[in-house]
PDB file of N, CA and C in Angstrom:
ATOM      1  N   MET A   1       2.873   4.216   0.881  1.00  0.00           N
ATOM      2  CA  MET A   1       1.423   4.189   0.973  1.00  0.00           C
ATOM      3  C   MET A   1       0.794   3.830  -0.371  1.00  0.00           C
ATOM      4  N   THR A   2       1.455   4.118  -1.501  1.00  0.00           N
ATOM      5  CA  THR A   2       0.829   3.861  -2.794  1.00  0.00           C
ATOM      6  C   THR A   2       0.560   2.390  -3.018  1.00  0.00           C
ATOM      7  N   ASN A   3       1.322   1.496  -2.406  1.00  0.00           N
ATOM      8  CA  ASN A   3       1.069   0.067  -2.565  1.00  0.00           C
ATOM      9  C   ASN A   3      -0.232  -0.363  -1.906  1.00  0.00           C
ATOM     10  N   ASP A   4      -0.800   0.505  -1.047  1.00  0.00           N
ATOM     11  CA  ASP A   4      -2.048   0.203  -0.362  1.00  0.00           C
ATOM     12  C   ASP A   4      -3.269   0.467  -1.240  1.00  0.00           C
ATOM     13  N   ILE A   5      -3.103   1.165  -2.373  1.00  0.00           N
ATOM     14  CA  ILE A   5      -4.234   1.537  -3.216  1.00  0.00           C
ATOM     15  C   ILE A   5      -4.747   0.314  -3.964  1.00  0.00           C
ATOM     16  N   LYS A   6      -6.050   0.071  -3.840  1.00  0.00           N
ATOM     17  CA  LYS A   6      -6.675  -1.057  -4.513  1.00  0.00           C
ATOM     18  C   LYS A   6      -7.706  -0.600  -5.539  1.00  0.00           C
ATOM     19  N   ASN A   7      -8.358   0.537  -5.285  1.00  0.00           N
ATOM     20  CA  ASN A   7      -9.459   0.971  -6.133  1.00  0.00           C
ATOM     21  C   ASN A   7      -9.685   2.464  -5.977  1.00  0.00           C
ATOM     22  N   PHE A   8      -9.743   3.177  -7.115  1.00  0.00           N
ATOM     23  CA  PHE A   8     -10.140   4.580  -7.049  1.00  0.00           C
ATOM     24  C   PHE A   8     -11.641   4.624  -7.246  1.00  0.00           C
ATOM     25  N   SER A   9     -12.371   5.070  -6.241  1.00  0.00           N
ATOM     26  CA  SER A   9     -13.837   4.989  -6.236  1.00  0.00           C
ATOM     27  C   SER A   9     -14.531   6.280  -6.623  1.00  0.00           C
ATOM     28  N   GLY A  10     -13.779   7.332  -6.972  1.00  0.00           N
ATOM     29  CA  GLY A  10     -14.403   8.593  -7.366  1.00  0.00           C
ATOM     30  C   GLY A  10     -14.809   9.425  -6.166  1.00  0.00           C
ATOM     31  N   GLU A  11     -15.832  10.259  -6.356  1.00  0.00           N
ATOM     32  CA  GLU A  11     -16.322  11.131  -5.293  1.00  0.00           C
ATOM     33  C   GLU A  11     -16.964  10.301  -4.182  1.00  0.00           C
ATOM     34  N   HIS A  12     -16.637  10.623  -2.930  1.00  0.00           N
ATOM     35  CA  HIS A  12     -17.178   9.893  -1.785  1.00  0.00           C
ATOM     36  C   HIS A  12     -18.688  10.089  -1.687  1.00  0.00           C
ATOM     37  N   ASN A  13     -19.392   9.009  -1.444  1.00  0.00           N
ATOM     38  CA  ASN A  13     -20.832   9.035  -1.186  1.00  0.00           C
ATOM     39  C   ASN A  13     -21.122   8.174   0.024  1.00  0.00           C
ATOM     40  N   VAL A  14     -22.008   8.641   0.890  1.00  0.00           N
ATOM     41  CA  VAL A  14     -22.397   7.857   2.060  1.00  0.00           C
ATOM     42  C   VAL A  14     -23.343   6.741   1.644  1.00  0.00           C
ATOM     43  N   ARG A  15     -24.174   6.997   0.620  1.00  0.00           N
ATOM     44  CA  ARG A  15     -25.170   6.012   0.186  1.00  0.00           C
ATOM     45  C   ARG A  15     -24.970   5.598  -1.266  1.00  0.00           C
ATOM     46  N   ASN A  16     -25.366   4.363  -1.553  1.00  0.00           N
ATOM     47  CA  ASN A  16     -25.418   3.860  -2.923  1.00  0.00           C
ATOM     48  C   ASN A  16     -26.677   4.397  -3.601  1.00  0.00           C
ATOM     49  N   LEU A  17     -26.785   4.193  -4.901  1.00  0.00           N
ATOM     50  CA  LEU A  17     -27.956   4.664  -5.640  1.00  0.00           C
ATOM     51  C   LEU A  17     -29.262   4.067  -5.120  1.00  0.00           C
ATOM     52  N   ASP A  18     -29.211   2.837  -4.581  1.00  0.00           N
ATOM     53  CA  ASP A  18     -30.424   2.202  -4.060  1.00  0.00           C
ATOM     54  C   ASP A  18     -30.773   2.658  -2.641  1.00  0.00           C
ATOM     55  N   GLY A  19     -29.964   3.580  -2.070  1.00  0.00           N
ATOM     56  CA  GLY A  19     -30.239   4.108  -0.740  1.00  0.00           C
ATOM     57  C   GLY A  19     -29.511   3.390   0.385  1.00  0.00           C
ATOM     58  N   SER A  20     -28.907   2.250   0.107  1.00  0.00           N
ATOM     59  CA  SER A  20     -28.176   1.525   1.146  1.00  0.00           C
ATOM     60  C   SER A  20     -26.874   2.250   1.478  1.00  0.00           C
ATOM     61  N   ILE A  21     -26.367   2.006   2.686  1.00  0.00           N
ATOM     62  CA  ILE A  21     -25.113   2.620   3.126  1.00  0.00           C
ATOM     63  C   ILE A  21     -23.968   2.045   2.298  1.00  0.00           C
ATOM     64  N   ARG A  22     -23.127   2.921   1.762  1.00  0.00           N
ATOM     65  CA  ARG A  22     -21.991   2.491   0.947  1.00  0.00           C
ATOM     66  C   ARG A  22     -20.865   2.006   1.846  1.00  0.00           C
ATOM     67  N   VAL A  23     -20.261   0.895   1.475  1.00  0.00           N
ATOM     68  CA  VAL A  23     -19.154   0.314   2.228  1.00  0.00           C
ATOM     69  C   VAL A  23     -17.870   0.530   1.425  1.00  0.00           C
ATOM     70  N   TYR A  24     -16.856   1.055   2.085  1.00  0.00           N
ATOM     71  CA  TYR A  24     -15.535   1.199   1.493  1.00  0.00           C
ATOM     72  C   TYR A  24     -14.595   0.223   2.183  1.00  0.00           C
ATOM     73  N   ARG A  25     -13.747  -0.410   1.395  1.00  0.00           N
ATOM     74  CA  ARG A  25     -12.817  -1.418   1.893  1.00  0.00           C
ATOM     75  C   ARG A  25     -11.390  -0.835   1.934  1.00  0.00           C
ATOM     76  N   PRO A  26     -10.505  -1.445   2.712  1.00  0.00           N
ATOM     77  CA  PRO A  26      -9.123  -0.958   2.754  1.00  0.00           C
ATOM     78  C   PRO A  26      -8.535  -0.860   1.345  1.00  0.00           C
ATOM     79  N   GLY A  27      -7.929   0.298   1.057  1.00  0.00           N
ATOM     80  CA  GLY A  27      -7.332   0.524  -0.245  1.00  0.00           C
ATOM     81  C   GLY A  27      -8.202   1.313  -1.201  1.00  0.00           C
ATOM     82  N   ASP A  28      -9.475   1.532  -0.858  1.00  0.00           N
ATOM     83  CA  ASP A  28     -10.336   2.374  -1.696  1.00  0.00           C
ATOM     84  C   ASP A  28      -9.910   3.824  -1.534  1.00  0.00           C
ATOM     85  N   VAL A  29      -9.759   4.538  -2.647  1.00  0.00           N
ATOM     86  CA  VAL A  29      -9.399   5.949  -2.641  1.00  0.00           C
ATOM     87  C   VAL A  29     -10.598   6.740  -3.150  1.00  0.00           C
ATOM     88  N   VAL A  30     -10.940   7.813  -2.432  1.00  0.00           N
ATOM     89  CA  VAL A  30     -12.068   8.666  -2.813  1.00  0.00           C
ATOM     90  C   VAL A  30     -11.623  10.121  -2.793  1.00  0.00           C
ATOM     91  N   SER A  31     -12.383  10.955  -3.504  1.00  0.00           N
ATOM     92  CA  SER A  31     -12.153  12.391  -3.422  1.00  0.00           C
ATOM     93  C   SER A  31     -13.317  13.019  -2.671  1.00  0.00           C
ATOM     94  N   LYS A  32     -13.041  14.105  -1.977  1.00  0.00           N
ATOM     95  CA  LYS A  32     -14.056  14.837  -1.223  1.00  0.00           C
ATOM     96  C   LYS A  32     -13.568  16.259  -1.031  1.00  0.00           C
ATOM     97  N   LYS A  33     -14.325  17.218  -1.576  1.00  0.00           N
ATOM     98  CA  LYS A  33     -14.000  18.639  -1.410  1.00  0.00           C
ATOM     99  C   LYS A  33     -12.555  18.959  -1.802  1.00  0.00           C
ATOM    100  N   GLY A  34     -12.098  18.379  -2.942  1.00  0.00           N
ATOM    101  CA  GLY A  34     -10.773  18.703  -3.462  1.00  0.00           C
ATOM    102  C   GLY A  34      -9.616  17.967  -2.824  1.00  0.00           C
ATOM    103  N   LYS A  35      -9.889  16.972  -1.987  1.00  0.00           N
ATOM    104  CA  LYS A  35      -8.822  16.190  -1.366  1.00  0.00           C
ATOM    105  C   LYS A  35      -9.051  14.713  -1.635  1.00  0.00           C
ATOM    106  N   LEU A  36      -7.979  13.950  -1.572  1.00  0.00           N
ATOM    107  CA  LEU A  36      -8.052  12.501  -1.724  1.00  0.00           C
ATOM    108  C   LEU A  36      -7.891  11.847  -0.359  1.00  0.00           C
ATOM    109  N   TYR A  37      -8.613  10.738  -0.169  1.00  0.00           N
ATOM    110  CA  TYR A  37      -8.541   9.967   1.072  1.00  0.00           C
ATOM    111  C   TYR A  37      -8.465   8.488   0.719  1.00  0.00           C
ATOM    112  N   ILE A  38      -7.739   7.725   1.525  1.00  0.00           N
ATOM    113  CA  ILE A  38      -7.645   6.282   1.341  1.00  0.00           C
ATOM    114  C   ILE A  38      -8.231   5.596   2.574  1.00  0.00           C
ATOM    115  N   ALA A  39      -9.064   4.575   2.327  1.00  0.00           N
ATOM    116  CA  ALA A  39      -9.649   3.809   3.426  1.00  0.00           C
ATOM    117  C   ALA A  39      -8.575   2.887   4.001  1.00  0.00           C
ATOM    118  N   LYS A  40      -8.354   2.969   5.285  1.00  0.00           N
ATOM    119  CA  LYS A  40      -7.363   2.127   5.947  1.00  0.00           C
ATOM    120  C   LYS A  40      -8.002   0.912   6.609  1.00  0.00           C
ATOM    121  N   LYS A  41      -9.330   0.931   6.731  1.00  0.00           N
ATOM    122  CA  LYS A  41     -10.082  -0.214   7.242  1.00  0.00           C
ATOM    123  C   LYS A  41     -11.468  -0.151   6.607  1.00  0.00           C
ATOM    124  N   THR A  42     -12.243  -1.202   6.740  1.00  0.00           N
ATOM    125  CA  THR A  42     -13.602  -1.189   6.220  1.00  0.00           C
ATOM    126  C   THR A  42     -14.391  -0.119   6.949  1.00  0.00           C
ATOM    127  N   THR A  43     -15.041   0.748   6.191  1.00  0.00           N
ATOM    128  CA  THR A  43     -15.780   1.862   6.788  1.00  0.00           C
ATOM    129  C   THR A  43     -17.089   2.075   6.040  1.00  0.00           C
ATOM    130  N   ARG A  44     -18.092   2.515   6.749  1.00  0.00           N
ATOM    131  CA  ARG A  44     -19.393   2.811   6.149  1.00  0.00           C
ATOM    132  C   ARG A  44     -20.044   3.953   6.911  1.00  0.00           C
ATOM    133  N   GLY A  45     -20.655   4.858   6.153  1.00  0.00           N
ATOM    134  CA  GLY A  45     -21.406   5.933   6.777  1.00  0.00           C
ATOM    135  C   GLY A  45     -20.593   7.098   7.296  1.00  0.00           C
ATOM    136  N   PHE A  46     -19.273   7.051   7.179  1.00  0.00           N
ATOM    137  CA  PHE A  46     -18.443   8.126   7.701  1.00  0.00           C
ATOM    138  C   PHE A  46     -17.821   8.928   6.574  1.00  0.00           C
ATOM    139  N   ASP A  47     -17.947  10.233   6.663  1.00  0.00           N
ATOM    140  CA  ASP A  47     -17.282  11.146   5.744  1.00  0.00           C
ATOM    141  C   ASP A  47     -15.775  10.979   5.952  1.00  0.00           C
ATOM    142  N   PRO A  48     -14.978  10.943   4.873  1.00  0.00           N
ATOM    143  CA  PRO A  48     -13.535  10.752   5.061  1.00  0.00           C
ATOM    144  C   PRO A  48     -12.862  11.882   5.829  1.00  0.00           C
ATOM    145  N   ARG A  49     -13.518  13.048   5.898  1.00  0.00           N
ATOM    146  CA  ARG A  49     -12.934  14.158   6.660  1.00  0.00           C
ATOM    147  C   ARG A  49     -12.981  13.885   8.161  1.00  0.00           C
ATOM    148  N   HIS A  50     -13.655  12.789   8.579  1.00  0.00           N
ATOM    149  CA  HIS A  50     -13.664  12.410  10.000  1.00  0.00           C
ATOM    150  C   HIS A  50     -12.328  11.820  10.431  1.00  0.00           C
ATOM    151  N   GLY A  51     -11.484  11.465   9.456  1.00  0.00           N
ATOM    152  CA  GLY A  51     -10.120  11.051   9.755  1.00  0.00           C
ATOM    153  C   GLY A  51      -9.930   9.601  10.137  1.00  0.00           C
ATOM    154  N   SER A  52      -8.828   9.367  10.837  1.00  0.00           N
ATOM    155  CA  SER A  52      -8.391   7.996  11.119  1.00  0.00           C
ATOM    156  C   SER A  52      -9.338   7.236  12.038  1.00  0.00           C
ATOM    157  N   ASP A  53     -10.025   7.919  12.945  1.00  0.00           N
ATOM    158  CA  ASP A  53     -10.976   7.228  13.818  1.00  0.00           C
ATOM    159  C   ASP A  53     -12.124   6.616  13.006  1.00  0.00           C
ATOM    160  N   ALA A  54     -12.425   7.221  11.847  1.00  0.00           N
ATOM    161  CA  ALA A  54     -13.483   6.714  10.969  1.00  0.00           C
ATOM    162  C   ALA A  54     -12.921   5.780   9.896  1.00  0.00           C
ATOM    163  N   GLY A  55     -11.612   5.543   9.907  1.00  0.00           N
ATOM    164  CA  GLY A  55     -11.005   4.603   8.968  1.00  0.00           C
ATOM    165  C   GLY A  55     -10.379   5.230   7.737  1.00  0.00           C
ATOM    166  N   TRP A  56     -10.247   6.559   7.713  1.00  0.00           N
ATOM    167  CA  TRP A  56      -9.725   7.251   6.539  1.00  0.00           C
ATOM    168  C   TRP A  56      -8.380   7.901   6.823  1.00  0.00           C
ATOM    169  N   GLU A  57      -7.547   7.986   5.790  1.00  0.00           N
ATOM    170  CA  GLU A  57      -6.281   8.700   5.880  1.00  0.00           C
ATOM    171  C   GLU A  57      -6.225   9.724   4.751  1.00  0.00           C
ATOM    172  N   ASP A  58      -5.817  10.934   5.070  1.00  0.00           N
ATOM    173  CA  ASP A  58      -5.671  12.005   4.082  1.00  0.00           C
ATOM    174  C   ASP A  58      -4.574  11.605   3.099  1.00  0.00           C
ATOM    175  N   TYR A  59      -4.890  11.639   1.801  1.00  0.00           N
ATOM    176  CA  TYR A  59      -3.938  11.219   0.772  1.00  0.00           C
ATOM    177  C   TYR A  59      -3.385  12.405  -0.003  1.00  0.00           C
ATOM    178  N   GLY A  60      -3.967  13.602   0.165  1.00  0.00           N
ATOM    179  CA  GLY A  60      -3.441  14.781  -0.507  1.00  0.00           C
ATOM    180  C   GLY A  60      -4.501  15.576  -1.228  1.00  0.00           C
ATOM    181  N   THR A  61      -4.091  16.673  -1.797  1.00  0.00           N
ATOM    182  CA  THR A  61      -5.000  17.579  -2.487  1.00  0.00           C
ATOM    183  C   THR A  61      -5.198  17.148  -3.926  1.00  0.00           C
ATOM    184  N   SER A  62      -6.456  17.229  -4.376  1.00  0.00           N
ATOM    185  CA  SER A  62      -6.762  16.870  -5.761  1.00  0.00           C
ATOM    186  C   SER A  62      -7.324  18.048  -6.537  1.00  0.00           C
ATOM    187  N   SER A  63      -7.462  19.185  -5.892  1.00  0.00           N
ATOM    188  CA  SER A  63      -8.107  20.338  -6.509  1.00  0.00           C
ATOM    189  C   SER A  63      -7.458  20.719  -7.827  1.00  0.00           C
ATOM    190  N   GLY A  64      -8.290  20.843  -8.876  1.00  0.00           N
ATOM    191  CA  GLY A  64      -7.805  21.289 -10.162  1.00  0.00           C
ATOM    192  C   GLY A  64      -7.271  20.191 -11.056  1.00  0.00           C
ATOM    193  N   TYR A  65      -7.232  18.961 -10.594  1.00  0.00           N
ATOM    194  CA  TYR A  65      -6.721  17.863 -11.389  1.00  0.00           C
ATOM    195  C   TYR A  65      -7.841  16.899 -11.730  1.00  0.00           C
ATOM    196  N   ASN A  66      -7.640  16.133 -12.793  1.00  0.00           N
ATOM    197  CA  ASN A  66      -8.631  15.141 -13.205  1.00  0.00           C
ATOM    198  C   ASN A  66      -8.238  13.770 -12.686  1.00  0.00           C
ATOM    199  N   PHE A  67      -9.252  12.971 -12.369  1.00  0.00           N
ATOM    200  CA  PHE A  67      -9.062  11.595 -11.928  1.00  0.00           C
ATOM    201  C   PHE A  67      -9.905  10.704 -12.819  1.00  0.00           C
ATOM    202  N   THR A  68      -9.258   9.763 -13.471  1.00  0.00           N
ATOM    203  CA  THR A  68      -9.946   8.862 -14.382  1.00  0.00           C
ATOM    204  C   THR A  68      -9.828   7.444 -13.864  1.00  0.00           C
ATOM    205  N   ASN A  69     -10.943   6.720 -13.868  1.00  0.00           N
ATOM    206  CA  ASN A  69     -10.983   5.319 -13.467  1.00  0.00           C
ATOM    207  C   ASN A  69     -11.451   4.534 -14.687  1.00  0.00           C
ATOM    208  N   SER A  70     -10.506   3.925 -15.420  1.00  0.00           N
ATOM    209  CA  SER A  70     -10.864   3.187 -16.629  1.00  0.00           C
ATOM    210  C   SER A  70      -9.769   2.185 -16.970  1.00  0.00           C
ATOM    211  N   GLU A  71     -10.074   1.307 -17.936  1.00  0.00           N
ATOM    212  CA  GLU A  71      -9.090   0.324 -18.381  1.00  0.00           C
ATOM    213  C   GLU A  71      -8.079   0.926 -19.353  1.00  0.00           C
ATOM    214  N   THR A  72      -8.399   2.083 -19.932  1.00  0.00           N
ATOM    215  CA  THR A  72      -7.493   2.733 -20.884  1.00  0.00           C
ATOM    216  C   THR A  72      -7.155   4.140 -20.405  1.00  0.00           C
ATOM    217  N   GLN A  73      -5.940   4.566 -20.706  1.00  0.00           N
ATOM    218  CA  GLN A  73      -5.523   5.898 -20.272  1.00  0.00           C
ATOM    219  C   GLN A  73      -6.318   6.975 -21.002  1.00  0.00           C
ATOM    220  N   PRO A  74      -6.531   8.108 -20.358  1.00  0.00           N
ATOM    221  CA  PRO A  74      -7.285   9.199 -20.979  1.00  0.00           C
ATOM    222  C   PRO A  74      -6.601   9.688 -22.253  1.00  0.00           C
ATOM    223  N   GLU A  75      -7.410  10.087 -23.248  1.00  0.00           N
ATOM    224  CA  GLU A  75      -6.850  10.591 -24.501  1.00  0.00           C
ATOM    225  C   GLU A  75      -6.205  11.957 -24.316  1.00  0.00           C
ATOM    226  N   ILE A  76      -6.793  12.797 -23.468  1.00  0.00           N
ATOM    227  CA  ILE A  76      -6.252  14.126 -23.203  1.00  0.00           C
ATOM    228  C   ILE A  76      -5.876  14.184 -21.726  1.00  0.00           C
ATOM    229  N   SER A  77      -4.634  14.586 -21.454  1.00  0.00           N
ATOM    230  CA  SER A  77      -4.154  14.623 -20.075  1.00  0.00           C
ATOM    231  C   SER A  77      -3.387  15.897 -19.817  1.00  0.00           C
ATOM    232  N   ASN A  78      -3.441  16.342 -18.582  1.00  0.00           N
ATOM    233  CA  ASN A  78      -2.689  17.515 -18.145  1.00  0.00           C
ATOM    234  C   ASN A  78      -1.769  17.109 -17.009  1.00  0.00           C
ATOM    235  N   GLU A  79      -0.679  17.835 -16.858  1.00  0.00           N
ATOM    236  CA  GLU A  79       0.255  17.537 -15.784  1.00  0.00           C
ATOM    237  C   GLU A  79      -0.480  17.524 -14.441  1.00  0.00           C
ATOM    238  N   GLY A  80      -0.249  16.477 -13.651  1.00  0.00           N
ATOM    239  CA  GLY A  80      -0.876  16.350 -12.344  1.00  0.00           C
ATOM    240  C   GLY A  80      -2.139  15.513 -12.342  1.00  0.00           C
ATOM    241  N   ASP A  81      -2.632  15.101 -13.537  1.00  0.00           N
ATOM    242  CA  ASP A  81      -3.819  14.248 -13.598  1.00  0.00           C
ATOM    243  C   ASP A  81      -3.484  12.853 -13.096  1.00  0.00           C
ATOM    244  N   PHE A  82      -4.484  12.184 -12.521  1.00  0.00           N
ATOM    245  CA  PHE A  82      -4.342  10.806 -12.077  1.00  0.00           C
ATOM    246  C   PHE A  82      -5.203   9.898 -12.935  1.00  0.00           C
ATOM    247  N   TRP A  83      -4.704   8.683 -13.152  1.00  0.00           N
ATOM    248  CA  TRP A  83      -5.462   7.660 -13.868  1.00  0.00           C
ATOM    249  C   TRP A  83      -5.338   6.357 -13.083  1.00  0.00           C
ATOM    250  N   PHE A  84      -6.492   5.835 -12.654  1.00  0.00           N
ATOM    251  CA  PHE A  84      -6.518   4.529 -12.008  1.00  0.00           C
ATOM    252  C   PHE A  84      -6.858   3.514 -13.081  1.00  0.00           C
ATOM    253  N   ASP A  85      -5.903   2.637 -13.406  1.00  0.00           N
ATOM    254  CA  ASP A  85      -6.104   1.594 -14.413  1.00  0.00           C
ATOM    255  C   ASP A  85      -6.899   0.467 -13.765  1.00  0.00           C
ATOM    256  N   SER A  86      -8.201   0.426 -14.058  1.00  0.00           N
ATOM    257  CA  SER A  86      -9.085  -0.544 -13.399  1.00  0.00           C
ATOM    258  C   SER A  86      -8.792  -1.977 -13.815  1.00  0.00           C
ATOM    259  N   SER A  87      -8.079  -2.190 -14.923  1.00  0.00           N
ATOM    260  CA  SER A  87      -7.744  -3.561 -15.321  1.00  0.00           C
ATOM    261  C   SER A  87      -6.539  -4.093 -14.555  1.00  0.00           C
ATOM    262  N   SER A  88      -5.608  -3.214 -14.175  1.00  0.00           N
ATOM    263  CA  SER A  88      -4.406  -3.673 -13.466  1.00  0.00           C
ATOM    264  C   SER A  88      -4.422  -3.323 -11.976  1.00  0.00           C
ATOM    265  N   GLY A  89      -5.287  -2.355 -11.589  1.00  0.00           N
ATOM    266  CA  GLY A  89      -5.326  -1.914 -10.204  1.00  0.00           C
ATOM    267  C   GLY A  89      -4.200  -0.960  -9.846  1.00  0.00           C
ATOM    268  N   LEU A  90      -3.552  -0.357 -10.857  1.00  0.00           N
ATOM    269  CA  LEU A  90      -2.444   0.548 -10.615  1.00  0.00           C
ATOM    270  C   LEU A  90      -2.884   2.001 -10.767  1.00  0.00           C
ATOM    271  N   LEU A  91      -2.261   2.896  -9.992  1.00  0.00           N
ATOM    272  CA  LEU A  91      -2.533   4.322 -10.062  1.00  0.00           C
ATOM    273  C   LEU A  91      -1.357   5.000 -10.752  1.00  0.00           C
ATOM    274  N   PHE A  92      -1.669   5.905 -11.707  1.00  0.00           N
ATOM    275  CA  PHE A  92      -0.645   6.616 -12.458  1.00  0.00           C
ATOM    276  C   PHE A  92      -0.826   8.119 -12.323  1.00  0.00           C
ATOM    277  N   LEU A  93       0.272   8.845 -12.438  1.00  0.00           N
ATOM    278  CA  LEU A  93       0.301  10.300 -12.408  1.00  0.00           C
ATOM    279  C   LEU A  93       0.889  10.776 -13.728  1.00  0.00           C
ATOM    280  N   TYR A  94       0.250  11.775 -14.344  1.00  0.00           N
ATOM    281  CA  TYR A  94       0.748  12.316 -15.610  1.00  0.00           C
ATOM    282  C   TYR A  94       1.733  13.433 -15.310  1.00  0.00           C
ATOM    283  N   ILE A  95       2.968  13.300 -15.829  1.00  0.00           N
ATOM    284  CA  ILE A  95       4.002  14.292 -15.575  1.00  0.00           C
ATOM    285  C   ILE A  95       4.567  14.828 -16.879  1.00  0.00           C
ATOM    286  N   LYS A  96       5.123  16.017 -16.784  1.00  0.00           N
ATOM    287  CA  LYS A  96       5.853  16.632 -17.900  1.00  0.00           C
ATOM    288  C   LYS A  96       7.193  17.077 -17.358  1.00  0.00           C
ATOM    289  N   ASP A  97       8.247  16.724 -18.068  1.00  0.00           N
ATOM    290  CA  ASP A  97       9.543  17.301 -17.740  1.00  0.00           C
ATOM    291  C   ASP A  97      10.024  18.053 -18.973  1.00  0.00           C
ATOM    292  N   LYS A  98      11.262  18.448 -19.021  1.00  0.00           N
ATOM    293  CA  LYS A  98      11.690  19.301 -20.131  1.00  0.00           C
ATOM    294  C   LYS A  98      11.706  18.580 -21.477  1.00  0.00           C
ATOM    295  N   ASP A  99      11.738  17.244 -21.490  1.00  0.00           N
ATOM    296  CA  ASP A  99      11.811  16.502 -22.750  1.00  0.00           C
ATOM    297  C   ASP A  99      10.618  15.599 -23.037  1.00  0.00           C
ATOM    298  N   THR A 100       9.870  15.184 -22.019  1.00  0.00           N
ATOM    299  CA  THR A 100       8.822  14.175 -22.233  1.00  0.00           C
ATOM    300  C   THR A 100       7.549  14.498 -21.463  1.00  0.00           C
ATOM    301  N   GLU A 101       6.489  13.819 -21.865  1.00  0.00           N
ATOM    302  CA  GLU A 101       5.224  13.792 -21.136  1.00  0.00           C
ATOM    303  C   GLU A 101       4.853  12.325 -21.021  1.00  0.00           C
ATOM    304  N   GLN A 102       4.483  11.874 -19.806  1.00  0.00           N
ATOM    305  CA  GLN A 102       4.207  10.452 -19.645  1.00  0.00           C
ATOM    306  C   GLN A 102       3.427  10.156 -18.367  1.00  0.00           C
ATOM    307  N   TRP A 103       2.803   8.970 -18.356  1.00  0.00           N
ATOM    308  CA  TRP A 103       2.174   8.427 -17.172  1.00  0.00           C
ATOM    309  C   TRP A 103       3.209   7.652 -16.389  1.00  0.00           C
ATOM    310  N   ILE A 104       3.322   7.914 -15.078  1.00  0.00           N
ATOM    311  CA  ILE A 104       4.219   7.133 -14.241  1.00  0.00           C
ATOM    312  C   ILE A 104       3.404   6.469 -13.136  1.00  0.00           C
ATOM    313  N   GLU A 105       3.794   5.275 -12.776  1.00  0.00           N
ATOM    314  CA  GLU A 105       3.119   4.564 -11.693  1.00  0.00           C
ATOM    315  C   GLU A 105       3.461   5.240 -10.375  1.00  0.00           C
ATOM    316  N   VAL A 106       2.416   5.437  -9.549  1.00  0.00           N
ATOM    317  CA  VAL A 106       2.608   6.096  -8.259  1.00  0.00           C
ATOM    318  C   VAL A 106       2.787   5.047  -7.187  1.00  0.00           C
TER     319      VAL A 106
END
């Protein structure tokens, strides 16, 4: 499923700042109430908690972790944080093992 990710869009919103209905395209990932969702088809006006009939798939829990959408990796990271590299379109997870700390592609 990770190859389907095209864009991390942050917190889900039904409307854009100008009041128009926000459109999400396949591969857009959003967070909502501590969970991540990925758009499986073009969707607008539907909360991702409406599920697959509304075009969303549950991607997992995000509670307690940070999500960064930028061209550069965050300066401070904690285990379990996600970073969407907006220049490459890749999603990374920050991990710690007994010898190293690093970003790995998801």
